[in-house]
N, C-alpha and C. Protein backbone atom coordinates (compact mmCIF):
# COMPACT_ATOMS: atom_id res chain seq x y z
N UNK A 1 -7.52 -32.79 7.83
CA UNK A 1 -6.94 -31.67 8.20
C UNK A 1 -7.41 -30.44 7.52
N UNK A 2 -7.87 -29.24 7.94
CA UNK A 2 -8.31 -28.23 7.39
C UNK A 2 -7.39 -27.26 6.89
N UNK A 3 -7.38 -26.56 5.84
CA UNK A 3 -6.46 -25.81 5.35
C UNK A 3 -6.47 -24.38 6.04
N UNK A 4 -5.33 -23.60 6.15
CA UNK A 4 -5.30 -22.49 7.02
C UNK A 4 -5.83 -21.32 6.11
N UNK A 5 -6.36 -20.50 6.64
CA UNK A 5 -7.09 -19.24 6.15
C UNK A 5 -6.01 -18.19 5.99
N UNK A 6 -6.41 -17.18 5.23
CA UNK A 6 -5.54 -16.02 5.04
C UNK A 6 -5.19 -15.28 6.26
N UNK A 7 -3.95 -14.93 6.28
CA UNK A 7 -3.47 -14.17 7.49
C UNK A 7 -4.29 -12.84 7.54
N UNK A 8 -4.82 -12.61 8.73
CA UNK A 8 -5.53 -11.27 8.72
C UNK A 8 -5.00 -10.54 10.12
N UNK A 9 -5.19 -9.21 9.79
CA UNK A 9 -4.86 -8.24 10.82
C UNK A 9 -5.97 -7.61 11.34
N UNK A 10 -6.11 -7.48 12.72
CA UNK A 10 -7.12 -6.81 13.34
C UNK A 10 -6.77 -5.47 13.78
N UNK A 11 -7.69 -4.50 13.77
CA UNK A 11 -7.25 -3.16 14.30
C UNK A 11 -7.43 -3.23 15.76
N UNK A 12 -6.59 -2.43 16.39
CA UNK A 12 -6.61 -2.43 17.84
C UNK A 12 -8.00 -2.11 18.43
N UNK A 13 -8.67 -1.05 17.70
CA UNK A 13 -10.04 -0.68 18.18
C UNK A 13 -10.93 -1.86 18.27
N UNK A 14 -10.81 -2.74 17.26
CA UNK A 14 -11.51 -3.96 17.31
C UNK A 14 -11.30 -4.86 18.32
N UNK A 15 -10.06 -5.13 18.64
CA UNK A 15 -9.63 -5.97 19.88
C UNK A 15 -10.31 -5.50 21.13
N UNK A 16 -9.99 -4.09 21.34
CA UNK A 16 -10.39 -3.47 22.61
C UNK A 16 -11.84 -3.58 22.76
N UNK A 17 -12.73 -3.28 21.74
CA UNK A 17 -14.10 -3.48 21.69
C UNK A 17 -14.65 -4.98 22.00
N UNK A 18 -13.96 -5.67 21.28
CA UNK A 18 -14.30 -7.30 21.47
C UNK A 18 -14.07 -7.73 22.99
N UNK A 19 -12.87 -7.35 23.58
CA UNK A 19 -12.39 -7.71 24.92
C UNK A 19 -13.44 -6.85 25.87
N UNK A 20 -13.75 -5.81 25.75
CA UNK A 20 -14.87 -5.18 26.52
C UNK A 20 -16.31 -5.86 26.44
N UNK A 21 -16.50 -6.14 25.34
CA UNK A 21 -17.88 -6.94 25.10
C UNK A 21 -17.83 -8.28 25.87
N UNK A 22 -16.69 -8.99 25.80
CA UNK A 22 -16.69 -10.28 26.45
C UNK A 22 -16.49 -10.16 28.14
N UNK A 23 -15.73 -9.19 28.52
CA UNK A 23 -15.53 -9.01 29.84
C UNK A 23 -16.61 -8.40 30.50
N UNK A 24 -17.69 -7.70 29.77
CA UNK A 24 -18.89 -7.12 30.25
C UNK A 24 -20.14 -8.29 30.37
N UNK A 25 -19.79 -9.25 29.47
CA UNK A 25 -20.81 -10.31 29.45
C UNK A 25 -21.81 -10.17 28.18
N UNK A 26 -21.45 -9.04 27.39
CA UNK A 26 -22.36 -9.02 26.27
C UNK A 26 -22.28 -9.96 25.17
N UNK A 27 -21.16 -10.64 25.10
CA UNK A 27 -20.81 -11.76 24.28
C UNK A 27 -19.89 -12.80 24.90
N UNK A 28 -20.18 -14.13 24.64
CA UNK A 28 -19.27 -15.05 25.12
C UNK A 28 -18.04 -15.43 24.23
N UNK A 29 -17.09 -16.02 24.79
CA UNK A 29 -15.93 -16.22 24.03
C UNK A 29 -16.04 -17.10 22.85
N UNK A 30 -16.99 -18.17 22.97
CA UNK A 30 -17.26 -19.01 22.00
C UNK A 30 -17.99 -18.38 20.92
N UNK A 31 -19.02 -17.54 21.28
CA UNK A 31 -19.79 -16.73 20.42
C UNK A 31 -18.98 -15.94 19.51
N UNK A 32 -18.09 -15.05 20.09
CA UNK A 32 -17.16 -14.34 19.55
C UNK A 32 -16.35 -15.02 18.45
N UNK A 33 -15.75 -16.16 18.92
CA UNK A 33 -14.96 -16.94 17.81
C UNK A 33 -15.80 -17.43 16.64
N UNK A 34 -17.08 -17.78 17.00
CA UNK A 34 -17.87 -18.06 15.72
C UNK A 34 -18.28 -16.99 14.93
N UNK A 35 -18.52 -15.83 15.64
CA UNK A 35 -19.26 -14.60 14.91
C UNK A 35 -18.13 -14.11 14.01
N UNK A 36 -16.99 -13.96 14.55
CA UNK A 36 -15.80 -13.31 13.68
C UNK A 36 -14.80 -14.19 13.16
N UNK A 37 -15.03 -15.48 13.39
CA UNK A 37 -14.25 -16.56 12.78
C UNK A 37 -12.72 -16.35 13.29
N UNK A 38 -12.62 -16.25 14.72
CA UNK A 38 -11.35 -16.15 15.24
C UNK A 38 -11.02 -17.36 16.14
N UNK A 39 -9.73 -17.62 16.22
CA UNK A 39 -9.28 -18.90 17.19
C UNK A 39 -9.50 -18.57 18.54
N UNK A 40 -10.04 -19.56 19.37
CA UNK A 40 -10.15 -19.19 20.86
C UNK A 40 -8.74 -18.78 21.53
N UNK A 41 -7.75 -19.39 20.98
CA UNK A 41 -6.51 -19.02 21.44
C UNK A 41 -6.06 -17.50 21.36
N UNK A 42 -6.45 -16.99 20.12
CA UNK A 42 -6.22 -15.65 19.88
C UNK A 42 -6.97 -14.72 20.80
N UNK A 43 -8.38 -14.98 20.95
CA UNK A 43 -9.20 -14.30 21.70
C UNK A 43 -8.60 -14.54 23.15
N UNK A 44 -8.08 -15.54 23.53
CA UNK A 44 -7.55 -15.50 24.99
C UNK A 44 -6.24 -14.72 25.09
N UNK A 45 -5.57 -14.72 24.12
CA UNK A 45 -4.39 -13.80 24.06
C UNK A 45 -4.73 -12.21 24.10
N UNK A 46 -5.64 -11.99 23.36
CA UNK A 46 -6.16 -10.51 23.43
C UNK A 46 -6.67 -10.21 24.83
N UNK A 47 -7.58 -11.06 25.46
CA UNK A 47 -8.06 -10.94 26.75
C UNK A 47 -6.95 -10.88 27.72
N UNK A 48 -5.81 -11.57 27.69
CA UNK A 48 -4.84 -11.34 28.59
C UNK A 48 -3.99 -10.07 28.41
N UNK A 49 -3.79 -9.64 26.98
CA UNK A 49 -3.10 -8.36 26.86
C UNK A 49 -4.02 -7.30 27.35
N UNK A 50 -5.45 -7.33 27.18
CA UNK A 50 -6.42 -6.53 27.63
C UNK A 50 -6.39 -6.43 29.11
N UNK A 51 -6.35 -7.40 29.92
CA UNK A 51 -6.20 -7.45 31.40
C UNK A 51 -5.03 -6.75 31.89
N UNK A 52 -3.89 -7.10 31.19
CA UNK A 52 -2.52 -6.43 31.65
C UNK A 52 -2.62 -4.99 31.33
N UNK A 53 -3.35 -4.36 30.47
CA UNK A 53 -3.46 -2.90 30.12
C UNK A 53 -2.59 -2.69 28.77
N UNK A 54 -2.22 -3.89 28.10
CA UNK A 54 -1.51 -3.78 26.97
C UNK A 54 -2.33 -3.38 25.69
N UNK A 55 -3.65 -3.54 25.83
CA UNK A 55 -4.40 -3.03 24.77
C UNK A 55 -5.06 -1.73 25.35
N UNK A 56 -4.66 -0.76 24.98
CA UNK A 56 -5.36 0.59 25.24
C UNK A 56 -5.68 1.45 24.13
N UNK A 57 -6.54 2.44 24.20
CA UNK A 57 -6.83 3.36 23.15
C UNK A 57 -5.81 4.25 22.79
N UNK A 58 -4.62 4.56 23.75
CA UNK A 58 -3.40 5.29 23.52
C UNK A 58 -2.60 4.36 22.65
N UNK A 59 -2.48 3.11 22.95
CA UNK A 59 -1.68 2.23 21.96
C UNK A 59 -2.43 2.24 20.60
N UNK A 60 -3.68 2.12 20.71
CA UNK A 60 -4.39 1.98 19.58
C UNK A 60 -4.15 3.15 18.66
N UNK A 61 -4.22 4.22 18.99
CA UNK A 61 -4.04 5.54 18.32
C UNK A 61 -2.48 5.61 17.76
N UNK A 62 -1.60 5.27 18.77
CA UNK A 62 -0.27 5.13 18.38
C UNK A 62 0.08 4.16 17.13
N UNK A 63 -0.65 2.87 17.03
CA UNK A 63 -0.65 2.13 16.01
C UNK A 63 -1.12 2.61 14.84
N UNK A 64 -2.13 3.34 14.91
CA UNK A 64 -2.87 3.88 13.64
C UNK A 64 -1.90 4.99 13.12
N UNK A 65 -1.27 5.65 13.87
CA UNK A 65 -0.28 6.77 13.50
C UNK A 65 1.00 6.13 12.73
N UNK A 66 1.52 5.09 13.48
CA UNK A 66 2.68 4.41 13.08
C UNK A 66 2.28 3.88 11.77
N UNK A 67 1.26 3.27 11.54
CA UNK A 67 0.64 2.62 10.12
C UNK A 67 0.65 3.72 9.12
N UNK A 68 0.06 4.99 9.37
CA UNK A 68 0.01 6.03 8.60
C UNK A 68 1.34 6.55 8.11
N UNK A 69 2.31 6.56 9.06
CA UNK A 69 3.76 7.14 8.80
C UNK A 69 4.46 6.12 7.86
N UNK A 70 4.12 5.06 8.10
CA UNK A 70 4.72 3.94 7.19
C UNK A 70 4.21 3.99 5.76
N UNK A 71 3.02 4.25 5.58
CA UNK A 71 2.32 4.67 4.32
C UNK A 71 2.84 5.65 3.59
N UNK A 72 3.02 6.73 4.49
CA UNK A 72 3.55 8.06 3.92
C UNK A 72 4.97 7.83 3.46
N UNK A 73 5.93 7.03 4.34
CA UNK A 73 7.34 7.04 3.99
C UNK A 73 7.17 6.15 2.56
N UNK A 74 6.40 5.14 2.41
CA UNK A 74 6.52 4.35 1.07
C UNK A 74 6.04 5.30 0.11
N UNK A 75 5.07 6.18 0.16
CA UNK A 75 4.55 6.92 -0.88
C UNK A 75 5.93 8.09 -1.36
N UNK A 76 6.45 8.61 -0.22
CA UNK A 76 7.45 9.52 -0.46
C UNK A 76 8.61 8.87 -1.35
N UNK A 77 8.96 7.66 -1.04
CA UNK A 77 10.01 6.76 -1.84
C UNK A 77 9.55 6.49 -3.26
N UNK A 78 8.37 6.29 -3.35
CA UNK A 78 7.57 6.22 -4.74
C UNK A 78 8.02 7.49 -5.63
N UNK A 79 7.36 8.56 -4.87
CA UNK A 79 7.45 9.94 -5.56
C UNK A 79 8.96 10.14 -5.87
N UNK A 80 9.95 9.97 -5.04
CA UNK A 80 11.35 10.06 -5.29
C UNK A 80 11.68 9.30 -6.78
N UNK A 81 11.39 8.07 -6.49
CA UNK A 81 11.73 7.08 -7.66
C UNK A 81 11.15 7.67 -8.87
N UNK A 82 9.91 8.04 -8.89
CA UNK A 82 9.10 8.71 -10.13
C UNK A 82 9.83 9.93 -10.58
N UNK A 83 10.29 10.86 -9.72
CA UNK A 83 11.09 12.01 -10.05
C UNK A 83 12.26 11.62 -10.82
N UNK A 84 12.97 10.78 -10.16
CA UNK A 84 14.19 10.46 -10.72
C UNK A 84 14.10 9.82 -12.36
N UNK A 85 13.05 8.95 -12.33
CA UNK A 85 12.81 8.51 -13.75
C UNK A 85 12.34 9.56 -14.77
N UNK A 86 11.55 10.57 -14.17
CA UNK A 86 11.21 11.64 -15.17
C UNK A 86 12.36 12.59 -15.39
N UNK A 87 13.24 12.65 -14.50
CA UNK A 87 14.42 13.57 -14.88
C UNK A 87 15.31 12.68 -15.78
N UNK A 88 15.30 11.44 -15.69
CA UNK A 88 16.07 10.69 -16.72
C UNK A 88 15.56 10.58 -18.07
N UNK A 89 14.24 10.57 -18.18
CA UNK A 89 13.43 10.73 -19.48
C UNK A 89 13.74 12.22 -20.15
N UNK A 90 13.78 13.26 -19.32
CA UNK A 90 14.09 14.50 -19.87
C UNK A 90 15.40 14.62 -20.29
N UNK A 91 16.43 13.88 -19.74
CA UNK A 91 17.78 14.22 -20.17
C UNK A 91 18.00 13.29 -21.49
N UNK A 92 17.46 12.30 -21.69
CA UNK A 92 17.70 11.51 -22.79
C UNK A 92 17.11 12.04 -24.25
N UNK A 93 17.83 11.94 -25.25
CA UNK A 93 17.36 12.53 -26.52
C UNK A 93 16.09 11.83 -26.95
N UNK A 94 15.42 12.39 -27.60
CA UNK A 94 14.17 11.83 -27.97
C UNK A 94 14.23 11.11 -29.34
N UNK A 95 13.66 10.16 -29.60
CA UNK A 95 13.57 9.23 -30.82
C UNK A 95 12.24 9.83 -31.65
N UNK A 96 12.48 9.99 -32.99
CA UNK A 96 11.41 10.19 -33.78
C UNK A 96 11.38 9.68 -35.05
N UNK A 97 10.33 9.34 -35.61
CA UNK A 97 10.13 8.39 -36.76
C UNK A 97 10.09 9.35 -37.91
N UNK A 98 11.10 9.07 -38.84
CA UNK A 98 11.27 9.89 -40.15
C UNK A 98 10.81 9.05 -41.28
N UNK A 99 9.68 9.55 -42.11
CA UNK A 99 9.34 8.72 -43.36
C UNK A 99 10.12 9.27 -44.42
N UNK A 100 10.82 8.45 -45.15
CA UNK A 100 11.57 8.92 -46.37
C UNK A 100 11.20 8.16 -47.61
N UNK A 101 10.14 8.42 -48.26
CA UNK A 101 9.60 7.83 -49.41
C UNK A 101 9.42 6.40 -49.01
N UNK A 102 8.48 6.15 -47.90
CA UNK A 102 8.11 5.12 -47.35
C UNK A 102 9.18 4.11 -46.95
N UNK A 103 10.24 4.75 -46.65
CA UNK A 103 11.34 3.94 -45.82
C UNK A 103 11.30 4.58 -44.54
N UNK A 104 10.95 3.89 -43.58
CA UNK A 104 10.98 4.29 -42.21
C UNK A 104 12.16 4.17 -41.48
N UNK A 105 12.79 5.25 -40.83
CA UNK A 105 14.04 4.98 -39.89
C UNK A 105 13.74 5.90 -38.81
N UNK A 106 14.52 5.47 -37.78
CA UNK A 106 14.62 6.16 -36.39
C UNK A 106 15.80 7.13 -36.44
N UNK A 107 15.41 8.46 -36.28
CA UNK A 107 16.46 9.34 -36.07
C UNK A 107 16.70 9.98 -34.70
N UNK A 108 17.65 10.26 -34.14
CA UNK A 108 17.97 11.00 -32.67
C UNK A 108 18.41 12.42 -33.18
N UNK A 109 18.06 13.24 -32.09
CA UNK A 109 18.60 14.63 -32.26
C UNK A 109 17.51 15.54 -32.76
N UNK A 110 17.91 16.78 -32.96
CA UNK A 110 16.92 17.80 -33.24
C UNK A 110 16.32 17.69 -34.60
N UNK A 111 15.01 18.18 -34.88
CA UNK A 111 14.45 18.09 -36.17
C UNK A 111 15.08 18.85 -37.33
N UNK A 112 15.46 18.38 -38.50
CA UNK A 112 16.25 19.14 -39.31
C UNK A 112 15.36 20.25 -39.92
N UNK A 113 15.91 21.24 -40.47
CA UNK A 113 15.39 22.39 -41.15
C UNK A 113 14.41 22.05 -42.40
N UNK A 114 13.32 22.49 -42.51
CA UNK A 114 12.65 21.92 -43.96
C UNK A 114 13.48 22.62 -44.86
N UNK A 115 13.44 21.65 -46.20
CA UNK A 115 14.03 22.23 -47.18
C UNK A 115 12.92 22.62 -48.35
N UNK A 116 13.38 23.28 -49.22
CA UNK A 116 12.46 23.92 -50.42
C UNK A 116 11.93 22.71 -51.33
N UNK A 117 12.49 21.64 -51.31
CA UNK A 117 12.17 20.58 -52.13
C UNK A 117 12.42 20.86 -53.59
N UNK A 118 13.57 21.61 -53.86
CA UNK A 118 14.03 22.03 -55.26
C UNK A 118 13.25 23.21 -55.93
N UNK A 119 12.45 23.92 -55.29
CA UNK A 119 11.62 25.01 -55.77
C UNK A 119 12.56 26.13 -55.83
N UNK A 120 12.41 26.89 -57.14
CA UNK A 120 13.31 28.00 -57.27
C UNK A 120 12.37 29.26 -57.40
């Protein structure tokens, strides 16, 4: 038994072009299946959809537009998330490392004013 290959998605333009080539006789179903490593059942499904008019350039364009809209929505969500994280970082007090005679400690809040160091 052979292992299943990875799931692939095919562009509507590819499906339409393949169906047109098969229907015009430019390529046979078996040749198309071998050349593009497609299942003959999948090709038959596409041909049935093509013959019914379910595969059309308008649908292909609508599919591309819907795909772009989904990508835009995902990017907008990511931008919103990053904006919220940035606001959170801006609101939290900053930590700074203070060296005190080689004893390191973490101090929060504003930087203290410099001292004279005992000079008069």
